[in-house]
C-alpha atoms as a PDB file:
ATOM      1  CA  MET A   1      -6.774  31.301   0.922  1.00  0.00           C
ATOM      2  CA  ALA A   2      -6.365  27.850   2.468  1.00  0.00           C
ATOM      3  CA  LYS A   3      -6.784  24.842   0.246  1.00  0.00           C
ATOM      4  CA  LYS A   4      -9.847  22.738   1.132  1.00  0.00           C
ATOM      5  CA  SER A   5      -9.263  19.263   2.425  1.00  0.00           C
ATOM      6  CA  LYS A   6     -10.206  16.273   0.217  1.00  0.00           C
ATOM      7  CA  GLY A   7     -12.673  14.941   2.534  1.00  0.00           C
ATOM      8  CA  ASN A   8     -12.532  11.019   3.005  1.00  0.00           C
ATOM      9  CA  ARG A   9      -9.465  10.553   0.818  1.00  0.00           C
ATOM     10  CA  VAL A  10      -6.389   9.312   2.748  1.00  0.00           C
ATOM     11  CA  GLN A  11      -2.797   8.208   1.903  1.00  0.00           C
ATOM     12  CA  VAL A  12      -2.082   4.632   2.663  1.00  0.00           C
ATOM     13  CA  ILE A  13       1.124   2.700   2.506  1.00  0.00           C
ATOM     14  CA  MET A  14       1.061  -0.767   0.961  1.00  0.00           C
ATOM     15  CA  GLU A  15       3.630  -3.422   1.888  1.00  0.00           C
ATOM     16  CA  CYS A  16       4.759  -6.778   0.206  1.00  0.00           C
ATOM     17  CA  THR A  17       3.615  -9.794   2.183  1.00  0.00           C
ATOM     18  CA  GLU A  18       5.835 -12.324   0.503  1.00  0.00           C
ATOM     19  CA  HIS A  19       8.908 -10.248   0.850  1.00  0.00           C
ATOM     20  CA  LYS A  20       8.773 -10.487   4.827  1.00  0.00           C
ATOM     21  CA  ASN A  21       8.870 -14.265   4.481  1.00  0.00           C
ATOM     22  CA  SER A  22      11.534 -14.582   1.980  1.00  0.00           C
ATOM     23  CA  GLY A  23      14.366 -13.420   4.130  1.00  0.00           C
ATOM     24  CA  LYS A  24      15.861 -10.972   1.777  1.00  0.00           C
ATOM     25  CA  PRO A  25      17.002  -7.605   2.851  1.00  0.00           C
ATOM     26  CA  GLY A  26      15.024  -4.500   2.098  1.00  0.00           C
ATOM     27  CA  THR A  27      11.281  -3.780   1.590  1.00  0.00           C
ATOM     28  CA  SER A  28       8.942  -3.247  -1.217  1.00  0.00           C
ATOM     29  CA  ARG A  29       6.370  -0.325  -0.392  1.00  0.00           C
ATOM     30  CA  TYR A  30       3.949   1.784  -2.453  1.00  0.00           C
ATOM     31  CA  ILE A  31       1.881   4.832  -1.336  1.00  0.00           C
ATOM     32  CA  THR A  32      -1.602   5.152  -2.719  1.00  0.00           C
ATOM     33  CA  VAL A  33      -4.810   6.920  -1.937  1.00  0.00           C
ATOM     34  CA  LYS A  34      -8.175   5.507  -0.852  1.00  0.00           C
ATOM     35  CA  ASN A  35     -11.581   6.662  -0.028  1.00  0.00           C
ATOM     36  CA  LYS A  36     -11.914   5.839   3.754  1.00  0.00           C
ATOM     37  CA  LYS A  37     -15.916   5.980   3.558  1.00  0.00           C
ATOM     38  CA  ASN A  38     -16.195   3.483   0.562  1.00  0.00           C
ATOM     39  CA  THR A  39     -13.492   1.142   1.763  1.00  0.00           C
ATOM     40  CA  PRO A  40     -13.152   1.100   5.510  1.00  0.00           C
ATOM     41  CA  GLU A  41     -11.254  -2.327   5.799  1.00  0.00           C
ATOM     42  CA  ARG A  42      -7.563  -2.676   4.404  1.00  0.00           C
ATOM     43  CA  MET A  43      -6.715  -3.007   0.944  1.00  0.00           C
ATOM     44  CA  GLU A  44      -4.885  -5.654  -0.787  1.00  0.00           C
ATOM     45  CA  LEU A  45      -3.644  -5.018  -4.330  1.00  0.00           C
ATOM     46  CA  LYS A  46      -1.237  -6.906  -6.808  1.00  0.00           C
ATOM     47  CA  LYS A  47       1.784  -4.764  -7.299  1.00  0.00           C
ATOM     48  CA  PHE A  48       5.378  -5.471  -8.752  1.00  0.00           C
ATOM     49  CA  ASN A  49       8.072  -6.229  -6.182  1.00  0.00           C
ATOM     50  CA  PRO A  50      11.467  -5.082  -7.891  1.00  0.00           C
ATOM     51  CA  ILE A  51      13.591  -7.035  -5.345  1.00  0.00           C
ATOM     52  CA  LEU A  52      11.798 -10.554  -5.847  1.00  0.00           C
ATOM     53  CA  LYS A  53      11.187  -9.468  -9.629  1.00  0.00           C
ATOM     54  CA  LYS A  54       7.694 -10.495  -9.682  1.00  0.00           C
ATOM     55  CA  VAL A  55       4.064  -9.413  -9.017  1.00  0.00           C
ATOM     56  CA  THR A  56       3.054 -10.041  -5.457  1.00  0.00           C
ATOM     57  CA  VAL A  57       0.252  -9.207  -3.030  1.00  0.00           C
ATOM     58  CA  HIS A  58       0.689  -5.903  -1.080  1.00  0.00           C
ATOM     59  CA  LYS A  59      -1.457  -5.061   2.070  1.00  0.00           C
ATOM     60  CA  GLU A  60      -2.018  -1.707   3.632  1.00  0.00           C
ATOM     61  CA  ILE A  61      -0.039  -1.013   6.678  1.00  0.00           C
ATOM     62  CA  LYS A  62      -0.991   1.513   9.486  1.00  0.00           C
END
């Protein structure tokens, strides 16, 4: 029997905004899940960037 879908929950990719401007190689990305019905706009979360070694703002891409 097939598994039911989770409805409005979708996987999103979060990417660091400060890392693009720093000029350092690599990227800091996180994968998380959000409810598309409750939060239709793009999310912004503060997450740790291991390359810059500090907490930065990560925005949803795609």
